[in-house]
Amino acid sequence: MPVVAFFDTKPYDRQPMTAAGADKGLSFRFHDFRLSAETAATAAAVPAVCGFVNDRLDRSCLEILAAAGVRHVAMRCAGTNNVDLAAAAELGLVVTRVPAYSPHAVAEHTVALVLTLNRRIHRAFNRVREQNFSLAGLVGFDLYGKTCGIVGTGRIGRVAAEIFRGFGMRVVAHDPVPAAGWAEAHGVDYLPFEDLLGTSDIVSLHLPLTPETHHLLNAETVPQLKPGGMVVNTSRGKLIDTTAVIEALKAGRLGGLAIDVYEEEEGIFFEDLSDRVLQDDELSRLLVFPNVLVTAHQAFLTREALAEIARVTVENVTRLARGEPPLEGTLVA
């Protein structure tokens, strides 16, 4: 019976994975710690491992996995920027991913962040629980008639754009490969990146992390944002230079920041640190701004998305164990 070692798992991961593999003849070994060079030896004699967004599959880790007999690395996420794909290919390791588990889950969370931050729902909720029914400091703005800039029009970006259009917003977009037919059908205008920043009341990031997109919003581009505008990021934390954004918030140039991802989230997100002092000074600084909203990488967290992640992951493990190719579009190395 093929064994799969799952790393960085929580109860909400394990239940759908177990259900998806119920009739596949697989044996699951769940670990709550992350996969890295320090923990890779725990996968000895296991043909497949399953990693997540904050696991560190660098060359050292992959060498240990390969020497231990691992042949398949199944990432239960879309991004593989934390995997040394060149090293994996050299070592004969097959790497798969889940490219599209639920664009609706992430897009809807994006809109939820915008609505919550704009109308101060989180602050109002806390006030009312303390019997403070004052409305002071809770003024937002109508989305209707405003401009939303979608940076990256892949599956998630397109769904988000369509939802924002439903609010009566003007939607503009930027992407190295424009989806012209979709844009025409949905009334979306493509703009150069600089023009999008300067005209958008809300800028929403929906890009993979690549060398070209690393710190896309930085000390040079953040000042190009429309004064008082809002930035939303549910994609990859390293798209934003946190230092530059903090400076813009302190100066009052940035009207709001809503993030579900953070560039140094490893070891913080997905963990309960409520009884400790947070060691990340920049995240600590972000959390004190009244116009900043942070959620801990939960945009994917719907029943439908978890079920699809489990289905694709288990199917690929099963196929490769039988010597068959993985599902179309999931092979990355």
C-alpha atoms as a PDB file:
ATOM      1  CA  MET A   1       0.000   0.000   0.000  1.00  0.00           C
ATOM      2  CA  PRO A   2       1.649   3.299  -1.114  1.00  0.00           C
ATOM      3  CA  VAL A   3       2.320   5.710   1.752  1.00  0.00           C
ATOM      4  CA  VAL A   4       2.008   9.482   1.442  1.00  0.00           C
ATOM      5  CA  ALA A   5       3.581  11.789   4.037  1.00  0.00           C
ATOM      6  CA  PHE A   6       1.682  15.073   4.447  1.00  0.00           C
ATOM      7  CA  PHE A   7       3.472  18.021   6.033  1.00  0.00           C
ATOM      8  CA  ASP A   8       2.212  21.199   7.707  1.00  0.00           C
ATOM      9  CA  THR A   9      -1.279  19.764   8.096  1.00  0.00           C
ATOM     10  CA  LYS A  10      -4.206  20.859  10.204  1.00  0.00           C
ATOM     11  CA  PRO A  11      -7.516  19.094  10.924  1.00  0.00           C
ATOM     12  CA  TYR A  12      -9.186  20.937   8.049  1.00  0.00           C
ATOM     13  CA  ASP A  13      -6.576  19.404   5.688  1.00  0.00           C
ATOM     14  CA  ARG A  14      -6.738  15.884   7.022  1.00  0.00           C
ATOM     15  CA  GLN A  15     -10.472  15.273   6.838  1.00  0.00           C
ATOM     16  CA  PRO A  16     -10.913  16.011   3.104  1.00  0.00           C
ATOM     17  CA  MET A  17      -7.687  14.192   2.229  1.00  0.00           C
ATOM     18  CA  THR A  18      -8.802  11.126   4.149  1.00  0.00           C
ATOM     19  CA  ALA A  19     -12.197  11.246   2.441  1.00  0.00           C
ATOM     20  CA  ALA A  20     -10.664  11.633  -1.021  1.00  0.00           C
ATOM     21  CA  GLY A  21      -8.332   8.699  -0.457  1.00  0.00           C
ATOM     22  CA  ALA A  22     -10.851   6.383   1.160  1.00  0.00           C
ATOM     23  CA  ASP A  23     -11.052   4.013  -1.819  1.00  0.00           C
ATOM     24  CA  LYS A  24      -7.658   4.659  -3.422  1.00  0.00           C
ATOM     25  CA  GLY A  25      -5.580   2.093  -1.556  1.00  0.00           C
ATOM     26  CA  LEU A  26      -3.299   4.743  -0.044  1.00  0.00           C
ATOM     27  CA  SER A  27      -1.926   5.068   3.476  1.00  0.00           C
ATOM     28  CA  PHE A  28      -1.630   8.617   4.824  1.00  0.00           C
ATOM     29  CA  ARG A  29       0.915   9.841   7.351  1.00  0.00           C
ATOM     30  CA  PHE A  30       0.021  13.332   8.596  1.00  0.00           C
ATOM     31  CA  HIS A  31       2.595  15.657  10.181  1.00  0.00           C
ATOM     32  CA  ASP A  32       1.854  19.037  11.705  1.00  0.00           C
ATOM     33  CA  PHE A  33       5.444  20.267  11.248  1.00  0.00           C
ATOM     34  CA  ARG A  34       6.744  21.786   8.011  1.00  0.00           C
ATOM     35  CA  LEU A  35       8.780  20.024   5.384  1.00  0.00           C
ATOM     36  CA  SER A  36      12.360  21.291   5.191  1.00  0.00           C
ATOM     37  CA  ALA A  37      15.905  19.954   5.167  1.00  0.00           C
ATOM     38  CA  GLU A  38      15.603  19.528   8.939  1.00  0.00           C
ATOM     39  CA  THR A  39      12.476  17.349   8.737  1.00  0.00           C
ATOM     40  CA  ALA A  40      12.865  15.609   5.367  1.00  0.00           C
ATOM     41  CA  ALA A  41      14.366  12.481   6.944  1.00  0.00           C
ATOM     42  CA  THR A  42      10.940  11.658   8.390  1.00  0.00           C
ATOM     43  CA  ALA A  43       9.890  10.710   4.856  1.00  0.00           C
ATOM     44  CA  ALA A  44      12.247   7.724   4.716  1.00  0.00           C
ATOM     45  CA  ALA A  45      10.872   4.854   2.603  1.00  0.00           C
ATOM     46  CA  VAL A  46       7.849   6.939   1.584  1.00  0.00           C
ATOM     47  CA  PRO A  47       7.334   7.193  -2.193  1.00  0.00           C
ATOM     48  CA  ALA A  48       5.378  10.477  -2.093  1.00  0.00           C
ATOM     49  CA  VAL A  49       5.275  13.576   0.083  1.00  0.00           C
ATOM     50  CA  CYS A  50       2.749  16.395   0.096  1.00  0.00           C
ATOM     51  CA  GLY A  51       3.827  19.943   0.905  1.00  0.00           C
ATOM     52  CA  PHE A  52       2.167  23.309   1.394  1.00  0.00           C
ATOM     53  CA  VAL A  53       2.913  26.986   0.811  1.00  0.00           C
ATOM     54  CA  ASN A  54       5.335  27.548   3.695  1.00  0.00           C
ATOM     55  CA  ASP A  55       7.299  24.323   3.419  1.00  0.00           C
ATOM     56  CA  ARG A  56      10.870  24.880   2.269  1.00  0.00           C
ATOM     57  CA  LEU A  57      11.757  22.448  -0.489  1.00  0.00           C
ATOM     58  CA  ASP A  58      15.201  23.755  -1.396  1.00  0.00           C
ATOM     59  CA  ARG A  59      17.984  21.655  -2.900  1.00  0.00           C
ATOM     60  CA  SER A  60      19.110  20.330   0.487  1.00  0.00           C
ATOM     61  CA  CYS A  61      15.612  19.183   1.354  1.00  0.00           C
ATOM     62  CA  LEU A  62      15.041  17.585  -2.041  1.00  0.00           C
ATOM     63  CA  GLU A  63      18.373  15.744  -1.915  1.00  0.00           C
ATOM     64  CA  ILE A  64      17.386  14.167   1.402  1.00  0.00           C
ATOM     65  CA  LEU A  65      13.970  13.223   0.045  1.00  0.00           C
ATOM     66  CA  ALA A  66      15.442  11.658  -3.092  1.00  0.00           C
ATOM     67  CA  ALA A  67      18.034   9.701  -1.075  1.00  0.00           C
ATOM     68  CA  ALA A  68      15.240   8.446   1.194  1.00  0.00           C
ATOM     69  CA  GLY A  69      13.338   6.998  -1.751  1.00  0.00           C
ATOM     70  CA  VAL A  70      10.787   9.726  -2.396  1.00  0.00           C
ATOM     71  CA  ARG A  71       9.841  10.022  -6.062  1.00  0.00           C
ATOM     72  CA  HIS A  72       6.846  12.357  -6.045  1.00  0.00           C
ATOM     73  CA  VAL A  73       6.405  15.778  -4.433  1.00  0.00           C
ATOM     74  CA  ALA A  74       2.730  16.756  -4.502  1.00  0.00           C
ATOM     75  CA  MET A  75       2.146  20.407  -3.596  1.00  0.00           C
ATOM     76  CA  ARG A  76      -1.408  20.966  -2.385  1.00  0.00           C
ATOM     77  CA  CYS A  77      -1.373  24.558  -3.577  1.00  0.00           C
ATOM     78  CA  ALA A  78      -1.025  26.498  -6.828  1.00  0.00           C
ATOM     79  CA  GLY A  79       2.324  28.184  -6.208  1.00  0.00           C
ATOM     80  CA  THR A  80       5.652  26.373  -6.345  1.00  0.00           C
ATOM     81  CA  ASN A  81       7.994  29.297  -5.660  1.00  0.00           C
ATOM     82  CA  ASN A  82       9.113  27.482  -2.476  1.00  0.00           C
ATOM     83  CA  VAL A  83      10.305  24.459  -4.482  1.00  0.00           C
ATOM     84  CA  ASP A  84      13.676  24.296  -6.251  1.00  0.00           C
ATOM     85  CA  LEU A  85      12.255  22.906  -9.484  1.00  0.00           C
ATOM     86  CA  ALA A  86      15.630  22.690 -11.215  1.00  0.00           C
ATOM     87  CA  ALA A  87      17.017  20.576  -8.377  1.00  0.00           C
ATOM     88  CA  ALA A  88      13.911  18.394  -8.418  1.00  0.00           C
ATOM     89  CA  ALA A  89      14.379  17.683 -12.124  1.00  0.00           C
ATOM     90  CA  GLU A  90      18.062  16.833 -11.609  1.00  0.00           C
ATOM     91  CA  LEU A  91      17.173  14.436  -8.797  1.00  0.00           C
ATOM     92  CA  GLY A  92      14.428  12.714 -10.762  1.00  0.00           C
ATOM     93  CA  LEU A  93      11.629  13.951  -8.532  1.00  0.00           C
ATOM     94  CA  VAL A  94       8.219  14.556 -10.077  1.00  0.00           C
ATOM     95  CA  VAL A  95       6.553  17.730  -8.751  1.00  0.00           C
ATOM     96  CA  THR A  96       2.830  18.337  -9.130  1.00  0.00           C
ATOM     97  CA  ARG A  97       0.543  21.075  -7.888  1.00  0.00           C
ATOM     98  CA  VAL A  98      -3.144  22.026  -7.712  1.00  0.00           C
ATOM     99  CA  PRO A  99      -3.377  24.875 -10.221  1.00  0.00           C
ATOM    100  CA  ALA A 100      -7.041  25.838  -9.782  1.00  0.00           C
ATOM    101  CA  TYR A 101      -8.766  24.594  -6.649  1.00  0.00           C
ATOM    102  CA  SER A 102     -11.379  27.374  -6.454  1.00  0.00           C
ATOM    103  CA  PRO A 103     -10.906  30.774  -8.036  1.00  0.00           C
ATOM    104  CA  HIS A 104     -14.240  31.755  -6.490  1.00  0.00           C
ATOM    105  CA  ALA A 105     -12.992  31.109  -2.946  1.00  0.00           C
ATOM    106  CA  VAL A 106     -10.036  33.476  -3.294  1.00  0.00           C
ATOM    107  CA  ALA A 107     -11.904  36.095  -5.319  1.00  0.00           C
ATOM    108  CA  GLU A 108     -14.788  36.186  -2.857  1.00  0.00           C
ATOM    109  CA  HIS A 109     -12.388  36.557   0.072  1.00  0.00           C
ATOM    110  CA  THR A 110     -10.764  39.454  -1.774  1.00  0.00           C
ATOM    111  CA  VAL A 111     -14.110  41.230  -1.996  1.00  0.00           C
ATOM    112  CA  ALA A 112     -14.866  40.390   1.632  1.00  0.00           C
ATOM    113  CA  LEU A 113     -11.623  42.081   2.678  1.00  0.00           C
ATOM    114  CA  VAL A 114     -12.499  45.202   0.668  1.00  0.00           C
ATOM    115  CA  LEU A 115     -15.991  45.445   2.145  1.00  0.00           C
ATOM    116  CA  THR A 116     -14.782  44.783   5.685  1.00  0.00           C
ATOM    117  CA  LEU A 117     -11.973  47.316   5.578  1.00  0.00           C
ATOM    118  CA  ASN A 118     -13.964  49.968   3.728  1.00  0.00           C
ATOM    119  CA  ARG A 119     -17.007  49.829   6.023  1.00  0.00           C
ATOM    120  CA  ARG A 120     -14.939  49.086   9.162  1.00  0.00           C
ATOM    121  CA  ILE A 121     -16.990  45.960   9.857  1.00  0.00           C
ATOM    122  CA  HIS A 122     -14.260  44.451  12.041  1.00  0.00           C
ATOM    123  CA  ARG A 123     -14.055  47.564  14.189  1.00  0.00           C
ATOM    124  CA  ALA A 124     -17.851  47.891  14.434  1.00  0.00           C
ATOM    125  CA  PHE A 125     -18.147  44.233  15.490  1.00  0.00           C
ATOM    126  CA  ASN A 126     -15.677  44.699  18.345  1.00  0.00           C
ATOM    127  CA  ARG A 127     -17.355  47.932  19.470  1.00  0.00           C
ATOM    128  CA  VAL A 128     -20.845  46.494  19.634  1.00  0.00           C
ATOM    129  CA  ARG A 129     -19.635  43.501  21.661  1.00  0.00           C
ATOM    130  CA  GLU A 130     -18.474  46.085  24.227  1.00  0.00           C
ATOM    131  CA  GLN A 131     -21.848  47.880  24.009  1.00  0.00           C
ATOM    132  CA  ASN A 132     -20.270  50.808  22.192  1.00  0.00           C
ATOM    133  CA  PHE A 133     -22.779  51.810  19.545  1.00  0.00           C
ATOM    134  CA  SER A 134     -21.025  54.969  18.379  1.00  0.00           C
ATOM    135  CA  LEU A 135     -20.542  55.390  14.617  1.00  0.00           C
ATOM    136  CA  ALA A 136     -17.542  57.716  14.938  1.00  0.00           C
ATOM    137  CA  GLY A 137     -14.641  56.610  12.750  1.00  0.00           C
ATOM    138  CA  LEU A 138     -16.690  54.099  10.754  1.00  0.00           C
ATOM    139  CA  VAL A 139     -17.280  56.165   7.621  1.00  0.00           C
ATOM    140  CA  GLY A 140     -16.578  54.306   4.382  1.00  0.00           C
ATOM    141  CA  PHE A 141     -17.258  55.017   0.716  1.00  0.00           C
ATOM    142  CA  ASP A 142     -19.595  53.695  -1.968  1.00  0.00           C
ATOM    143  CA  LEU A 143     -17.970  51.162  -4.256  1.00  0.00           C
ATOM    144  CA  TYR A 144     -20.445  52.157  -6.941  1.00  0.00           C
ATOM    145  CA  GLY A 145     -18.829  54.421  -9.491  1.00  0.00           C
ATOM    146  CA  LYS A 146     -15.297  53.909  -8.168  1.00  0.00           C
ATOM    147  CA  THR A 147     -12.440  52.278 -10.089  1.00  0.00           C
ATOM    148  CA  CYS A 148     -10.932  48.902  -9.211  1.00  0.00           C
ATOM    149  CA  GLY A 149      -7.595  47.895 -10.714  1.00  0.00           C
ATOM    150  CA  ILE A 150      -7.059  44.154 -11.135  1.00  0.00           C
ATOM    151  CA  VAL A 151      -3.381  43.267 -11.505  1.00  0.00           C
ATOM    152  CA  GLY A 152      -3.269  39.800 -13.032  1.00  0.00           C
ATOM    153  CA  THR A 153      -6.240  38.442 -14.953  1.00  0.00           C
ATOM    154  CA  GLY A 154      -5.856  34.725 -14.511  1.00  0.00           C
ATOM    155  CA  ARG A 155      -8.759  32.669 -13.196  1.00  0.00           C
ATOM    156  CA  ILE A 156      -8.924  34.406  -9.809  1.00  0.00           C
ATOM    157  CA  GLY A 157      -8.368  37.898 -11.149  1.00  0.00           C
ATOM    158  CA  ARG A 158     -11.131  37.504 -13.722  1.00  0.00           C
ATOM    159  CA  VAL A 159     -13.633  36.253 -11.132  1.00  0.00           C
ATOM    160  CA  ALA A 160     -12.742  39.134  -8.802  1.00  0.00           C
ATOM    161  CA  ALA A 161     -13.130  41.631 -11.636  1.00  0.00           C
ATOM    162  CA  GLU A 162     -16.587  40.315 -12.468  1.00  0.00           C
ATOM    163  CA  ILE A 163     -17.698  40.594  -8.834  1.00  0.00           C
ATOM    164  CA  PHE A 164     -16.450  44.177  -8.591  1.00  0.00           C
ATOM    165  CA  ARG A 165     -18.262  44.985 -11.845  1.00  0.00           C
ATOM    166  CA  GLY A 166     -21.409  43.750 -10.103  1.00  0.00           C
ATOM    167  CA  PHE A 167     -21.045  46.604  -7.616  1.00  0.00           C
ATOM    168  CA  GLY A 168     -21.207  49.073 -10.487  1.00  0.00           C
ATOM    169  CA  MET A 169     -17.484  49.768 -10.390  1.00  0.00           C
ATOM    170  CA  ARG A 170     -15.324  50.601 -13.343  1.00  0.00           C
ATOM    171  CA  VAL A 171     -12.747  47.826 -13.613  1.00  0.00           C
ATOM    172  CA  VAL A 172      -9.346  48.274 -15.223  1.00  0.00           C
ATOM    173  CA  ALA A 173      -6.693  45.613 -15.467  1.00  0.00           C
ATOM    174  CA  HIS A 174      -3.057  44.927 -16.182  1.00  0.00           C
ATOM    175  CA  ASP A 175      -1.540  41.648 -17.311  1.00  0.00           C
ATOM    176  CA  PRO A 176       1.465  40.803 -19.515  1.00  0.00           C
ATOM    177  CA  VAL A 177      -0.898  38.572 -21.513  1.00  0.00           C
ATOM    178  CA  PRO A 178      -4.267  40.377 -21.721  1.00  0.00           C
ATOM    179  CA  ALA A 179      -7.452  38.339 -22.062  1.00  0.00           C
ATOM    180  CA  ALA A 180      -8.914  40.614 -24.716  1.00  0.00           C
ATOM    181  CA  GLY A 181     -12.090  38.649 -25.410  1.00  0.00           C
ATOM    182  CA  TRP A 182     -12.970  38.333 -21.742  1.00  0.00           C
ATOM    183  CA  ALA A 183     -12.247  42.037 -21.135  1.00  0.00           C
ATOM    184  CA  GLU A 184     -14.507  43.115 -23.969  1.00  0.00           C
ATOM    185  CA  ALA A 185     -17.315  40.833 -22.794  1.00  0.00           C
ATOM    186  CA  HIS A 186     -17.159  42.198 -19.235  1.00  0.00           C
ATOM    187  CA  GLY A 187     -16.421  45.857 -19.842  1.00  0.00           C
ATOM    188  CA  VAL A 188     -12.879  45.758 -18.493  1.00  0.00           C
ATOM    189  CA  ASP A 189     -10.162  48.065 -19.840  1.00  0.00           C
ATOM    190  CA  TYR A 190      -6.504  47.062 -19.859  1.00  0.00           C
ATOM    191  CA  LEU A 191      -4.059  49.800 -18.850  1.00  0.00           C
ATOM    192  CA  PRO A 192      -0.300  50.132 -18.393  1.00  0.00           C
ATOM    193  CA  PHE A 193       0.662  49.304 -14.812  1.00  0.00           C
ATOM    194  CA  GLU A 194       1.530  52.904 -13.906  1.00  0.00           C
ATOM    195  CA  ASP A 195      -1.793  54.193 -15.249  1.00  0.00           C
ATOM    196  CA  LEU A 196      -3.714  51.532 -13.327  1.00  0.00           C
ATOM    197  CA  LEU A 197      -2.024  52.536 -10.074  1.00  0.00           C
ATOM    198  CA  GLY A 198      -2.772  56.211 -10.589  1.00  0.00           C
ATOM    199  CA  THR A 199      -6.446  55.812 -11.458  1.00  0.00           C
ATOM    200  CA  SER A 200      -7.645  52.990  -9.199  1.00  0.00           C
ATOM    201  CA  ASP A 201      -9.431  53.569  -5.898  1.00  0.00           C
ATOM    202  CA  ILE A 202      -8.774  49.902  -5.126  1.00  0.00           C
ATOM    203  CA  VAL A 203      -5.814  47.891  -6.443  1.00  0.00           C
ATOM    204  CA  SER A 204      -6.191  44.121  -6.122  1.00  0.00           C
ATOM    205  CA  LEU A 205      -3.217  41.814  -6.752  1.00  0.00           C
ATOM    206  CA  HIS A 206      -3.751  38.423  -8.409  1.00  0.00           C
ATOM    207  CA  LEU A 207      -0.306  37.373  -9.625  1.00  0.00           C
ATOM    208  CA  PRO A 208       2.069  34.457  -9.148  1.00  0.00           C
ATOM    209  CA  LEU A 209       5.394  35.183  -7.477  1.00  0.00           C
ATOM    210  CA  THR A 210       8.193  35.377 -10.050  1.00  0.00           C
ATOM    211  CA  PRO A 211      11.443  37.358 -10.227  1.00  0.00           C
ATOM    212  CA  GLU A 212       9.513  39.947 -12.243  1.00  0.00           C
ATOM    213  CA  THR A 213       6.665  40.308  -9.742  1.00  0.00           C
ATOM    214  CA  HIS A 214       8.755  40.196  -6.551  1.00  0.00           C
ATOM    215  CA  HIS A 215       8.086  43.463  -4.676  1.00  0.00           C
ATOM    216  CA  LEU A 216       5.898  44.725  -7.498  1.00  0.00           C
ATOM    217  CA  LEU A 217       4.679  47.345  -5.054  1.00  0.00           C
ATOM    218  CA  ASN A 218       7.849  48.933  -3.741  1.00  0.00           C
ATOM    219  CA  ALA A 219       9.384  52.276  -2.826  1.00  0.00           C
ATOM    220  CA  GLU A 220       9.131  53.415  -6.457  1.00  0.00           C
ATOM    221  CA  THR A 221       5.676  52.130  -7.369  1.00  0.00           C
ATOM    222  CA  VAL A 222       3.767  52.696  -4.099  1.00  0.00           C
ATOM    223  CA  PRO A 223       3.980  56.530  -4.502  1.00  0.00           C
ATOM    224  CA  GLN A 224       2.298  56.077  -7.905  1.00  0.00           C
ATOM    225  CA  LEU A 225      -0.880  54.809  -6.225  1.00  0.00           C
ATOM    226  CA  LYS A 226      -3.865  57.121  -6.240  1.00  0.00           C
ATOM    227  CA  PRO A 227      -3.765  59.151  -2.998  1.00  0.00           C
ATOM    228  CA  GLY A 228      -6.072  57.559  -0.451  1.00  0.00           C
ATOM    229  CA  GLY A 229      -6.408  54.366  -2.468  1.00  0.00           C
ATOM    230  CA  MET A 230      -6.691  50.856  -1.058  1.00  0.00           C
ATOM    231  CA  VAL A 231      -4.422  47.880  -1.818  1.00  0.00           C
ATOM    232  CA  VAL A 232      -5.627  44.280  -1.497  1.00  0.00           C
ATOM    233  CA  ASN A 233      -3.393  41.214  -1.765  1.00  0.00           C
ATOM    234  CA  THR A 234      -4.682  37.639  -1.660  1.00  0.00           C
ATOM    235  CA  SER A 235      -1.972  36.209  -3.940  1.00  0.00           C
ATOM    236  CA  ARG A 236       1.623  36.079  -2.695  1.00  0.00           C
ATOM    237  CA  GLY A 237       3.070  38.051   0.195  1.00  0.00           C
ATOM    238  CA  LYS A 238       6.296  38.955  -1.565  1.00  0.00           C
ATOM    239  CA  LEU A 239       4.427  40.942  -4.218  1.00  0.00           C
ATOM    240  CA  ILE A 240       4.503  43.776  -1.661  1.00  0.00           C
ATOM    241  CA  ASP A 241       7.521  45.429  -0.103  1.00  0.00           C
ATOM    242  CA  THR A 242       6.190  45.762   3.441  1.00  0.00           C
ATOM    243  CA  THR A 243       8.617  48.536   4.366  1.00  0.00           C
ATOM    244  CA  ALA A 244       7.436  50.715   1.474  1.00  0.00           C
ATOM    245  CA  VAL A 245       3.787  50.150   2.331  1.00  0.00           C
ATOM    246  CA  ILE A 246       4.338  50.994   5.997  1.00  0.00           C
ATOM    247  CA  GLU A 247       5.962  54.280   4.992  1.00  0.00           C
ATOM    248  CA  ALA A 248       2.974  55.106   2.768  1.00  0.00           C
ATOM    249  CA  LEU A 249       0.550  54.284   5.586  1.00  0.00           C
ATOM    250  CA  LYS A 250       2.479  56.433   8.056  1.00  0.00           C
ATOM    251  CA  ALA A 251       2.502  59.328   5.602  1.00  0.00           C
ATOM    252  CA  GLY A 252      -1.234  59.020   4.972  1.00  0.00           C
ATOM    253  CA  ARG A 253      -0.771  58.465   1.232  1.00  0.00           C
ATOM    254  CA  LEU A 254      -2.268  54.964   1.336  1.00  0.00           C
ATOM    255  CA  GLY A 255      -5.891  54.863   2.400  1.00  0.00           C
ATOM    256  CA  GLY A 256      -6.012  51.204   3.367  1.00  0.00           C
ATOM    257  CA  LEU A 257      -4.276  47.858   3.123  1.00  0.00           C
ATOM    258  CA  ALA A 258      -6.020  44.467   3.216  1.00  0.00           C
ATOM    259  CA  ILE A 259      -3.796  41.392   3.005  1.00  0.00           C
ATOM    260  CA  ASP A 260      -4.344  37.664   3.328  1.00  0.00           C
ATOM    261  CA  VAL A 261      -0.670  36.956   2.633  1.00  0.00           C
ATOM    262  CA  TYR A 262       2.522  38.413   4.065  1.00  0.00           C
ATOM    263  CA  GLU A 263       6.056  38.244   2.732  1.00  0.00           C
ATOM    264  CA  GLU A 264       7.515  36.717   5.918  1.00  0.00           C
ATOM    265  CA  GLU A 265       4.537  34.641   6.990  1.00  0.00           C
ATOM    266  CA  GLU A 266       6.456  31.382   7.436  1.00  0.00           C
ATOM    267  CA  GLY A 267       6.306  30.328  11.063  1.00  0.00           C
ATOM    268  CA  ILE A 268       3.529  32.836  11.815  1.00  0.00           C
ATOM    269  CA  PHE A 269       0.499  32.172   9.656  1.00  0.00           C
ATOM    270  CA  PHE A 270      -1.396  28.929  10.364  1.00  0.00           C
ATOM    271  CA  GLU A 271      -0.089  28.983  13.955  1.00  0.00           C
ATOM    272  CA  ASP A 272      -1.612  30.058  17.289  1.00  0.00           C
ATOM    273  CA  LEU A 273       0.846  32.586  18.710  1.00  0.00           C
ATOM    274  CA  SER A 274      -1.626  34.279  21.040  1.00  0.00           C
ATOM    275  CA  ASP A 275       0.455  33.518  24.133  1.00  0.00           C
ATOM    276  CA  ARG A 276       3.735  34.798  22.686  1.00  0.00           C
ATOM    277  CA  VAL A 277       5.371  38.074  21.723  1.00  0.00           C
ATOM    278  CA  LEU A 278       5.262  38.445  17.954  1.00  0.00           C
ATOM    279  CA  GLN A 279       8.872  38.617  16.780  1.00  0.00           C
ATOM    280  CA  ASP A 280       8.176  40.142  13.367  1.00  0.00           C
ATOM    281  CA  ASP A 281       8.454  43.904  13.850  1.00  0.00           C
ATOM    282  CA  GLU A 282       6.949  44.864  10.502  1.00  0.00           C
ATOM    283  CA  LEU A 283       3.892  42.671  10.909  1.00  0.00           C
ATOM    284  CA  SER A 284       3.502  43.988  14.446  1.00  0.00           C
ATOM    285  CA  ARG A 285       3.587  47.511  13.022  1.00  0.00           C
ATOM    286  CA  LEU A 286       0.976  46.707  10.387  1.00  0.00           C
ATOM    287  CA  LEU A 287      -1.399  45.313  12.986  1.00  0.00           C
ATOM    288  CA  VAL A 288      -1.623  48.629  14.858  1.00  0.00           C
ATOM    289  CA  PHE A 289      -2.796  50.688  11.888  1.00  0.00           C
ATOM    290  CA  PRO A 290      -6.565  51.294  12.016  1.00  0.00           C
ATOM    291  CA  ASN A 291      -6.738  51.141   8.214  1.00  0.00           C
ATOM    292  CA  VAL A 292      -5.000  47.776   7.856  1.00  0.00           C
ATOM    293  CA  LEU A 293      -6.795  44.430   7.793  1.00  0.00           C
ATOM    294  CA  VAL A 294      -4.874  41.156   7.965  1.00  0.00           C
ATOM    295  CA  THR A 295      -6.185  37.625   7.637  1.00  0.00           C
ATOM    296  CA  ALA A 296      -3.850  34.643   7.950  1.00  0.00           C
ATOM    297  CA  HIS A 297      -3.804  33.089   4.463  1.00  0.00           C
ATOM    298  CA  GLN A 298      -7.393  31.853   4.621  1.00  0.00           C
ATOM    299  CA  ALA A 299      -8.676  32.953   1.204  1.00  0.00           C
ATOM    300  CA  PHE A 300      -8.575  29.355  -0.032  1.00  0.00           C
ATOM    301  CA  LEU A 301     -10.403  28.014   3.006  1.00  0.00           C
ATOM    302  CA  THR A 302     -13.799  26.870   1.743  1.00  0.00           C
ATOM    303  CA  ARG A 303     -15.279  23.379   1.761  1.00  0.00           C
ATOM    304  CA  GLU A 304     -15.294  23.337  -2.026  1.00  0.00           C
ATOM    305  CA  ALA A 305     -11.662  24.398  -2.360  1.00  0.00           C
ATOM    306  CA  LEU A 306     -10.438  21.909   0.256  1.00  0.00           C
ATOM    307  CA  ALA A 307     -12.332  19.094  -1.474  1.00  0.00           C
ATOM    308  CA  GLU A 308     -10.817  19.978  -4.853  1.00  0.00           C
ATOM    309  CA  ILE A 309      -7.296  20.239  -3.407  1.00  0.00           C
ATOM    310  CA  ALA A 310      -7.737  16.793  -1.883  1.00  0.00           C
ATOM    311  CA  ARG A 311      -9.215  15.299  -5.058  1.00  0.00           C
ATOM    312  CA  VAL A 312      -6.401  16.506  -7.329  1.00  0.00           C
ATOM    313  CA  THR A 313      -3.641  15.653  -4.856  1.00  0.00           C
ATOM    314  CA  VAL A 314      -4.896  12.131  -4.178  1.00  0.00           C
ATOM    315  CA  GLU A 315      -5.583  11.473  -7.859  1.00  0.00           C
ATOM    316  CA  ASN A 316      -2.046  12.486  -8.823  1.00  0.00           C
ATOM    317  CA  VAL A 317      -0.475  10.374  -6.075  1.00  0.00           C
ATOM    318  CA  THR A 318      -2.569   7.405  -7.197  1.00  0.00           C
ATOM    319  CA  ARG A 319      -1.728   7.863 -10.863  1.00  0.00           C
ATOM    320  CA  LEU A 320       2.003   8.166 -10.317  1.00  0.00           C
ATOM    321  CA  ALA A 321       2.003   5.158  -7.991  1.00  0.00           C
ATOM    322  CA  ARG A 322       0.509   3.184 -10.892  1.00  0.00           C
ATOM    323  CA  GLY A 323       3.070   4.539 -13.342  1.00  0.00           C
ATOM    324  CA  GLU A 324       0.541   6.797 -15.061  1.00  0.00           C
ATOM    325  CA  PRO A 325       0.957  10.502 -15.910  1.00  0.00           C
ATOM    326  CA  PRO A 326      -0.527  13.099 -13.533  1.00  0.00           C
ATOM    327  CA  LEU A 327      -3.670  15.089 -14.302  1.00  0.00           C
ATOM    328  CA  GLU A 328      -3.326  17.531 -17.176  1.00  0.00           C
ATOM    329  CA  GLY A 329      -1.966  20.901 -16.136  1.00  0.00           C
ATOM    330  CA  THR A 330      -0.677  19.776 -12.735  1.00  0.00           C
ATOM    331  CA  LEU A 331       2.877  18.695 -13.627  1.00  0.00           C
ATOM    332  CA  VAL A 332       5.534  21.333 -12.946  1.00  0.00           C
ATOM    333  CA  ALA A 333       8.763  19.282 -12.881  1.00  0.00           C
END
